[in-house]
Amino acid sequence: MESTGDSTTIWSSLELDMNYSHSHKGPQQYCLAQEVPRTPEALRLHRNTLTMELLWLQQAIDSRKKYLSLKDRLSIS
C-alpha cells in the first residue's frame, strides 16, 4: 500500500489487487481492512487522509455531473 505519513490509501491497494487478479486469473476479492491506528497522532493523520479522499471524491462527482449536464445541453442544440 502507498503510505502517506502513518496512514495508507486504499486506492493503491485496489490497484495492486486488480493487477494481481488480472495476472493470476482468479476471482477478484478486495480486502479493504486495515489495521486501525491507535495513537492520537496516527488517528489524526488517518482522519486527514480520509477527509482529503472524501473531498476528492466529492469534487470528481461534481465534475462528472457538470460534464454530463454540458454534454446534454450541447447535444440538444
PDB file of N, CA and C in Angstrom:
ATOM      1  N   MET A   1       0.833  -1.189   0.000  1.00  0.00           N
ATOM      2  CA  MET A   1       0.000   0.000   0.000  1.00  0.00           C
ATOM      3  C   MET A   1       0.866   1.237   0.000  1.00  0.00           C
ATOM      4  N   GLU A   2       0.333   2.267  -0.588  1.00  0.00           N
ATOM      5  CA  GLU A   2       1.044   3.533  -0.642  1.00  0.00           C
ATOM      6  C   GLU A   2       0.919   4.206   0.719  1.00  0.00           C
ATOM      7  N   SER A   3       1.979   4.776   1.179  1.00  0.00           N
ATOM      8  CA  SER A   3       1.960   5.362   2.510  1.00  0.00           C
ATOM      9  C   SER A   3       1.966   6.879   2.426  1.00  0.00           C
ATOM     10  N   THR A   4       1.115   7.496   3.240  1.00  0.00           N
ATOM     11  CA  THR A   4       1.122   8.944   3.405  1.00  0.00           C
ATOM     12  C   THR A   4       1.267   9.190   4.893  1.00  0.00           C
ATOM     13  N   GLY A   5       2.475   9.444   5.320  1.00  0.00           N
ATOM     14  CA  GLY A   5       2.737   9.581   6.750  1.00  0.00           C
ATOM     15  C   GLY A   5       2.554   8.234   7.404  1.00  0.00           C
ATOM     16  N   ASP A   6       1.721   8.185   8.447  1.00  0.00           N
ATOM     17  CA  ASP A   6       1.458   6.933   9.136  1.00  0.00           C
ATOM     18  C   ASP A   6       0.210   6.227   8.611  1.00  0.00           C
ATOM     19  N   SER A   7      -0.493   6.861   7.654  1.00  0.00           N
ATOM     20  CA  SER A   7      -1.705   6.243   7.135  1.00  0.00           C
ATOM     21  C   SER A   7      -1.471   5.774   5.702  1.00  0.00           C
ATOM     22  N   THR A   8      -2.365   4.925   5.234  1.00  0.00           N
ATOM     23  CA  THR A   8      -2.238   4.402   3.880  1.00  0.00           C
ATOM     24  C   THR A   8      -3.510   4.694   3.113  1.00  0.00           C
ATOM     25  N   THR A   9      -3.402   4.708   1.786  1.00  0.00           N
ATOM     26  CA  THR A   9      -4.581   4.932   0.974  1.00  0.00           C
ATOM     27  C   THR A   9      -5.070   3.620   0.396  1.00  0.00           C
ATOM     28  N   ILE A  10      -6.354   3.545   0.207  1.00  0.00           N
ATOM     29  CA  ILE A  10      -6.975   2.333  -0.311  1.00  0.00           C
ATOM     30  C   ILE A  10      -6.738   2.210  -1.810  1.00  0.00           C
ATOM     31  N   TRP A  11      -6.613   3.341  -2.506  1.00  0.00           N
ATOM     32  CA  TRP A  11      -6.537   3.300  -3.971  1.00  0.00           C
ATOM     33  C   TRP A  11      -5.364   2.467  -4.452  1.00  0.00           C
ATOM     34  N   SER A  12      -4.220   2.602  -3.845  1.00  0.00           N
ATOM     35  CA  SER A  12      -3.064   1.834  -4.298  1.00  0.00           C
ATOM     36  C   SER A  12      -3.243   0.351  -4.006  1.00  0.00           C
ATOM     37  N   SER A  13      -3.919   0.006  -2.911  1.00  0.00           N
ATOM     38  CA  SER A  13      -4.124  -1.413  -2.614  1.00  0.00           C
ATOM     39  C   SER A  13      -5.110  -2.034  -3.589  1.00  0.00           C
ATOM     40  N   LEU A  14      -6.125  -1.281  -4.016  1.00  0.00           N
ATOM     41  CA  LEU A  14      -7.057  -1.800  -5.007  1.00  0.00           C
ATOM     42  C   LEU A  14      -6.355  -2.043  -6.329  1.00  0.00           C
ATOM     43  N   GLU A  15      -5.486  -1.121  -6.700  1.00  0.00           N
ATOM     44  CA  GLU A  15      -4.737  -1.275  -7.939  1.00  0.00           C
ATOM     45  C   GLU A  15      -3.859  -2.526  -7.873  1.00  0.00           C
ATOM     46  N   LEU A  16      -3.201  -2.733  -6.748  1.00  0.00           N
ATOM     47  CA  LEU A  16      -2.376  -3.926  -6.594  1.00  0.00           C
ATOM     48  C   LEU A  16      -3.227  -5.187  -6.659  1.00  0.00           C
ATOM     49  N   ASP A  17      -4.394  -5.169  -6.007  1.00  0.00           N
ATOM     50  CA  ASP A  17      -5.285  -6.323  -6.039  1.00  0.00           C
ATOM     51  C   ASP A  17      -5.762  -6.598  -7.457  1.00  0.00           C
ATOM     52  N   MET A  18      -6.110  -5.548  -8.197  1.00  0.00           N
ATOM     53  CA  MET A  18      -6.589  -5.727  -9.563  1.00  0.00           C
ATOM     54  C   MET A  18      -5.476  -6.265 -10.453  1.00  0.00           C
ATOM     55  N   ASN A  19      -4.267  -5.740 -10.316  1.00  0.00           N
ATOM     56  CA  ASN A  19      -3.144  -6.244 -11.092  1.00  0.00           C
ATOM     57  C   ASN A  19      -2.879  -7.706 -10.769  1.00  0.00           C
ATOM     58  N   TYR A  20      -2.975  -8.067  -9.518  1.00  0.00           N
ATOM     59  CA  TYR A  20      -2.743  -9.446  -9.096  1.00  0.00           C
ATOM     60  C   TYR A  20      -3.797 -10.370  -9.705  1.00  0.00           C
ATOM     61  N   SER A  21      -5.063  -9.959  -9.640  1.00  0.00           N
ATOM     62  CA  SER A  21      -6.120 -10.835 -10.134  1.00  0.00           C
ATOM     63  C   SER A  21      -6.061 -10.967 -11.649  1.00  0.00           C
ATOM     64  N   HIS A  22      -5.652  -9.905 -12.357  1.00  0.00           N
ATOM     65  CA  HIS A  22      -5.532  -9.999 -13.810  1.00  0.00           C
ATOM     66  C   HIS A  22      -4.414 -10.950 -14.196  1.00  0.00           C
ATOM     67  N   SER A  23      -3.340 -10.937 -13.456  1.00  0.00           N
ATOM     68  CA  SER A  23      -2.210 -11.778 -13.812  1.00  0.00           C
ATOM     69  C   SER A  23      -2.401 -13.227 -13.369  1.00  0.00           C
ATOM     70  N   HIS A  24      -3.281 -13.470 -12.375  1.00  0.00           N
ATOM     71  CA  HIS A  24      -3.470 -14.831 -11.879  1.00  0.00           C
ATOM     72  C   HIS A  24      -4.825 -15.422 -12.271  1.00  0.00           C
ATOM     73  N   LYS A  25      -5.654 -14.679 -12.955  1.00  0.00           N
ATOM     74  CA  LYS A  25      -6.944 -15.148 -13.470  1.00  0.00           C
ATOM     75  C   LYS A  25      -7.831 -15.794 -12.408  1.00  0.00           C
ATOM     76  N   GLY A  26      -7.702 -15.349 -11.192  1.00  0.00           N
ATOM     77  CA  GLY A  26      -8.535 -15.868 -10.115  1.00  0.00           C
ATOM     78  C   GLY A  26      -9.694 -14.924  -9.857  1.00  0.00           C
ATOM     79  N   PRO A  27     -10.612 -15.304  -8.973  1.00  0.00           N
ATOM     80  CA  PRO A  27     -11.730 -14.410  -8.654  1.00  0.00           C
ATOM     81  C   PRO A  27     -11.225 -13.149  -7.960  1.00  0.00           C
ATOM     82  N   GLN A  28     -11.871 -12.037  -8.260  1.00  0.00           N
ATOM     83  CA  GLN A  28     -11.443 -10.777  -7.653  1.00  0.00           C
ATOM     84  C   GLN A  28     -12.005 -10.672  -6.242  1.00  0.00           C
ATOM     85  N   GLN A  29     -11.125 -10.499  -5.293  1.00  0.00           N
ATOM     86  CA  GLN A  29     -11.523 -10.276  -3.911  1.00  0.00           C
ATOM     87  C   GLN A  29     -10.750  -9.080  -3.391  1.00  0.00           C
ATOM     88  N   TYR A  30     -11.463  -8.160  -2.748  1.00  0.00           N
ATOM     89  CA  TYR A  30     -10.820  -6.970  -2.229  1.00  0.00           C
ATOM     90  C   TYR A  30     -10.866  -6.995  -0.713  1.00  0.00           C
ATOM     91  N   CYS A  31      -9.721  -6.928  -0.115  1.00  0.00           N
ATOM     92  CA  CYS A  31      -9.637  -6.872   1.330  1.00  0.00           C
ATOM     93  C   CYS A  31      -9.259  -5.440   1.696  1.00  0.00           C
ATOM     94  N   LEU A  32     -10.238  -4.680   2.169  1.00  0.00           N
ATOM     95  CA  LEU A  32     -10.010  -3.273   2.484  1.00  0.00           C
ATOM     96  C   LEU A  32      -9.714  -3.059   3.964  1.00  0.00           C
ATOM     97  N   ALA A  33      -9.743  -4.105   4.729  1.00  0.00           N
ATOM     98  CA  ALA A  33      -9.483  -3.970   6.167  1.00  0.00           C
ATOM     99  C   ALA A  33      -8.032  -3.561   6.384  1.00  0.00           C
ATOM    100  N   GLN A  34      -7.857  -2.601   7.235  1.00  0.00           N
ATOM    101  CA  GLN A  34      -6.526  -2.124   7.589  1.00  0.00           C
ATOM    102  C   GLN A  34      -6.410  -2.165   9.115  1.00  0.00           C
ATOM    103  N   GLU A  35      -5.189  -2.130   9.564  1.00  0.00           N
ATOM    104  CA  GLU A  35      -5.005  -2.015  10.996  1.00  0.00           C
ATOM    105  C   GLU A  35      -5.445  -0.617  11.408  1.00  0.00           C
ATOM    106  N   VAL A  36      -6.267  -0.536  12.431  1.00  0.00           N
ATOM    107  CA  VAL A  36      -6.785   0.743  12.893  1.00  0.00           C
ATOM    108  C   VAL A  36      -5.694   1.456  13.672  1.00  0.00           C
ATOM    109  N   PRO A  37      -5.448   2.735  13.338  1.00  0.00           N
ATOM    110  CA  PRO A  37      -4.450   3.493  14.104  1.00  0.00           C
ATOM    111  C   PRO A  37      -4.857   3.587  15.573  1.00  0.00           C
ATOM    112  N   ARG A  38      -3.880   3.545  16.448  1.00  0.00           N
ATOM    113  CA  ARG A  38      -4.174   3.527  17.886  1.00  0.00           C
ATOM    114  C   ARG A  38      -3.776   4.814  18.610  1.00  0.00           C
ATOM    115  N   THR A  39      -2.751   5.485  18.130  1.00  0.00           N
ATOM    116  CA  THR A  39      -2.297   6.693  18.826  1.00  0.00           C
ATOM    117  C   THR A  39      -3.070   7.907  18.336  1.00  0.00           C
ATOM    118  N   PRO A  40      -3.191   8.927  19.164  1.00  0.00           N
ATOM    119  CA  PRO A  40      -3.893  10.145  18.735  1.00  0.00           C
ATOM    120  C   PRO A  40      -3.296  10.752  17.461  1.00  0.00           C
ATOM    121  N   GLU A  41      -1.983  10.763  17.350  1.00  0.00           N
ATOM    122  CA  GLU A  41      -1.339  11.324  16.163  1.00  0.00           C
ATOM    123  C   GLU A  41      -1.658  10.488  14.917  1.00  0.00           C
ATOM    124  N   ALA A  42      -1.609   9.174  15.047  1.00  0.00           N
ATOM    125  CA  ALA A  42      -1.918   8.293  13.911  1.00  0.00           C
ATOM    126  C   ALA A  42      -3.384   8.425  13.511  1.00  0.00           C
ATOM    127  N   LEU A  43      -4.264   8.549  14.492  1.00  0.00           N
ATOM    128  CA  LEU A  43      -5.681   8.749  14.199  1.00  0.00           C
ATOM    129  C   LEU A  43      -5.915  10.072  13.477  1.00  0.00           C
ATOM    130  N   ARG A  44      -5.222  11.125  13.917  1.00  0.00           N
ATOM    131  CA  ARG A  44      -5.364  12.427  13.267  1.00  0.00           C
ATOM    132  C   ARG A  44      -4.901  12.363  11.817  1.00  0.00           C
ATOM    133  N   LEU A  45      -3.755  11.729  11.580  1.00  0.00           N
ATOM    134  CA  LEU A  45      -3.253  11.597  10.213  1.00  0.00           C
ATOM    135  C   LEU A  45      -4.199  10.767   9.349  1.00  0.00           C
ATOM    136  N   HIS A  46      -4.738   9.709   9.919  1.00  0.00           N
ATOM    137  CA  HIS A  46      -5.680   8.865   9.183  1.00  0.00           C
ATOM    138  C   HIS A  46      -6.948   9.644   8.849  1.00  0.00           C
ATOM    139  N   ARG A  47      -7.450  10.412   9.822  1.00  0.00           N
ATOM    140  CA  ARG A  47      -8.633  11.238   9.589  1.00  0.00           C
ATOM    141  C   ARG A  47      -8.372  12.255   8.475  1.00  0.00           C
ATOM    142  N   ASN A  48      -7.206  12.892   8.506  1.00  0.00           N
ATOM    143  CA  ASN A  48      -6.873  13.871   7.475  1.00  0.00           C
ATOM    144  C   ASN A  48      -6.821  13.233   6.087  1.00  0.00           C
ATOM    145  N   THR A  49      -6.252  12.034   6.012  1.00  0.00           N
ATOM    146  CA  THR A  49      -6.183  11.326   4.737  1.00  0.00           C
ATOM    147  C   THR A  49      -7.576  10.987   4.232  1.00  0.00           C
ATOM    148  N   LEU A  50      -8.415  10.480   5.120  1.00  0.00           N
ATOM    149  CA  LEU A  50      -9.787  10.147   4.721  1.00  0.00           C
ATOM    150  C   LEU A  50     -10.567  11.392   4.305  1.00  0.00           C
ATOM    151  N   THR A  51     -10.344  12.485   4.991  1.00  0.00           N
ATOM    152  CA  THR A  51     -11.009  13.740   4.640  1.00  0.00           C
ATOM    153  C   THR A  51     -10.608  14.192   3.243  1.00  0.00           C
ATOM    154  N   MET A  52      -9.332  14.114   2.937  1.00  0.00           N
ATOM    155  CA  MET A  52      -8.866  14.518   1.602  1.00  0.00           C
ATOM    156  C   MET A  52      -9.400  13.583   0.516  1.00  0.00           C
ATOM    157  N   GLU A  53      -9.462  12.291   0.800  1.00  0.00           N
ATOM    158  CA  GLU A  53     -10.003  11.355  -0.181  1.00  0.00           C
ATOM    159  C   GLU A  53     -11.489  11.600  -0.411  1.00  0.00           C
ATOM    160  N   LEU A  54     -12.234  11.897   0.660  1.00  0.00           N
ATOM    161  CA  LEU A  54     -13.650  12.204   0.518  1.00  0.00           C
ATOM    162  C   LEU A  54     -13.840  13.485  -0.293  1.00  0.00           C
ATOM    163  N   LEU A  55     -13.052  14.497  -0.026  1.00  0.00           N
ATOM    164  CA  LEU A  55     -13.119  15.738  -0.784  1.00  0.00           C
ATOM    165  C   LEU A  55     -12.848  15.487  -2.260  1.00  0.00           C
ATOM    166  N   TRP A  56     -11.834  14.674  -2.548  1.00  0.00           N
ATOM    167  CA  TRP A  56     -11.503  14.345  -3.929  1.00  0.00           C
ATOM    168  C   TRP A  56     -12.674  13.648  -4.607  1.00  0.00           C
ATOM    169  N   LEU A  57     -13.316  12.717  -3.903  1.00  0.00           N
ATOM    170  CA  LEU A  57     -14.469  12.019  -4.476  1.00  0.00           C
ATOM    171  C   LEU A  57     -15.632  12.973  -4.750  1.00  0.00           C
ATOM    172  N   GLN A  58     -15.896  13.860  -3.814  1.00  0.00           N
ATOM    173  CA  GLN A  58     -16.980  14.822  -3.995  1.00  0.00           C
ATOM    174  C   GLN A  58     -16.706  15.718  -5.201  1.00  0.00           C
ATOM    175  N   GLN A  59     -15.469  16.172  -5.355  1.00  0.00           N
ATOM    176  CA  GLN A  59     -15.111  17.010  -6.491  1.00  0.00           C
ATOM    177  C   GLN A  59     -15.228  16.237  -7.800  1.00  0.00           C
ATOM    178  N   ALA A  60     -14.837  14.975  -7.803  1.00  0.00           N
ATOM    179  CA  ALA A  60     -14.934  14.151  -9.003  1.00  0.00           C
ATOM    180  C   ALA A  60     -16.397  13.947  -9.404  1.00  0.00           C
ATOM    181  N   ILE A  61     -17.256  13.708  -8.417  1.00  0.00           N
ATOM    182  CA  ILE A  61     -18.689  13.534  -8.705  1.00  0.00           C
ATOM    183  C   ILE A  61     -19.279  14.819  -9.254  1.00  0.00           C
ATOM    184  N   ASP A  62     -18.980  15.954  -8.628  1.00  0.00           N
ATOM    185  CA  ASP A  62     -19.478  17.248  -9.109  1.00  0.00           C
ATOM    186  C   ASP A  62     -18.996  17.536 -10.521  1.00  0.00           C
ATOM    187  N   SER A  63     -17.735  17.251 -10.779  1.00  0.00           N
ATOM    188  CA  SER A  63     -17.170  17.480 -12.098  1.00  0.00           C
ATOM    189  C   SER A  63     -17.874  16.625 -13.153  1.00  0.00           C
ATOM    190  N   ARG A  64     -18.120  15.369 -12.824  1.00  0.00           N
ATOM    191  CA  ARG A  64     -18.804  14.470 -13.761  1.00  0.00           C
ATOM    192  C   ARG A  64     -20.224  14.934 -14.022  1.00  0.00           C
ATOM    193  N   LYS A  65     -20.931  15.401 -12.978  1.00  0.00           N
ATOM    194  CA  LYS A  65     -22.284  15.917 -13.154  1.00  0.00           C
ATOM    195  C   LYS A  65     -22.290  17.127 -14.084  1.00  0.00           C
ATOM    196  N   LYS A  66     -21.343  18.035 -13.893  1.00  0.00           N
ATOM    197  CA  LYS A  66     -21.265  19.223 -14.745  1.00  0.00           C
ATOM    198  C   LYS A  66     -20.959  18.837 -16.182  1.00  0.00           C
ATOM    199  N   TYR A  67     -20.055  17.890 -16.365  1.00  0.00           N
ATOM    200  CA  TYR A  67     -19.704  17.424 -17.706  1.00  0.00           C
ATOM    201  C   TYR A  67     -20.922  16.821 -18.403  1.00  0.00           C
ATOM    202  N   LEU A  68     -21.653  15.961 -17.712  1.00  0.00           N
ATOM    203  CA  LEU A  68     -22.818  15.323 -18.316  1.00  0.00           C
ATOM    204  C   LEU A  68     -23.915  16.336 -18.616  1.00  0.00           C
ATOM    205  N   SER A  69     -24.075  17.310 -17.744  1.00  0.00           N
ATOM    206  CA  SER A  69     -25.049  18.369 -17.989  1.00  0.00           C
ATOM    207  C   SER A  69     -24.671  19.174 -19.228  1.00  0.00           C
ATOM    208  N   LEU A  70     -23.425  19.552 -19.346  1.00  0.00           N
ATOM    209  CA  LEU A  70     -22.954  20.296 -20.514  1.00  0.00           C
ATOM    210  C   LEU A  70     -23.087  19.459 -21.780  1.00  0.00           C
ATOM    211  N   LYS A  71     -22.767  18.199 -21.696  1.00  0.00           N
ATOM    212  CA  LYS A  71     -22.878  17.291 -22.840  1.00  0.00           C
ATOM    213  C   LYS A  71     -24.333  17.199 -23.311  1.00  0.00           C
ATOM    214  N   ASP A  72     -25.264  17.106 -22.362  1.00  0.00           N
ATOM    215  CA  ASP A  72     -26.687  17.064 -22.713  1.00  0.00           C
ATOM    216  C   ASP A  72     -27.136  18.359 -23.384  1.00  0.00           C
ATOM    217  N   ARG A  73     -26.716  19.497 -22.828  1.00  0.00           N
ATOM    218  CA  ARG A  73     -27.094  20.778 -23.400  1.00  0.00           C
ATOM    219  C   ARG A  73     -26.528  20.963 -24.808  1.00  0.00           C
ATOM    220  N   LEU A  74     -25.313  20.491 -25.039  1.00  0.00           N
ATOM    221  CA  LEU A  74     -24.700  20.626 -26.364  1.00  0.00           C
ATOM    222  C   LEU A  74     -25.343  19.684 -27.379  1.00  0.00           C
ATOM    223  N   SER A  75     -25.772  18.514 -26.943  1.00  0.00           N
ATOM    224  CA  SER A  75     -26.394  17.567 -27.888  1.00  0.00           C
ATOM    225  C   SER A  75     -27.819  18.002 -28.264  1.00  0.00           C
ATOM    226  N   ILE A  76     -28.480  18.777 -27.388  1.00  0.00           N
ATOM    227  CA  ILE A  76     -29.830  19.281 -27.684  1.00  0.00           C
ATOM    228  C   ILE A  76     -29.757  20.403 -28.709  1.00  0.00           C
ATOM    229  N   SER A  77     -28.722  21.219 -28.654  1.00  0.00           N
ATOM    230  CA  SER A  77     -28.593  22.374 -29.541  1.00  0.00           C
ATOM    231  C   SER A  77     -28.407  21.987 -30.979  1.00  0.00           C
TER     232      SER A  77
END
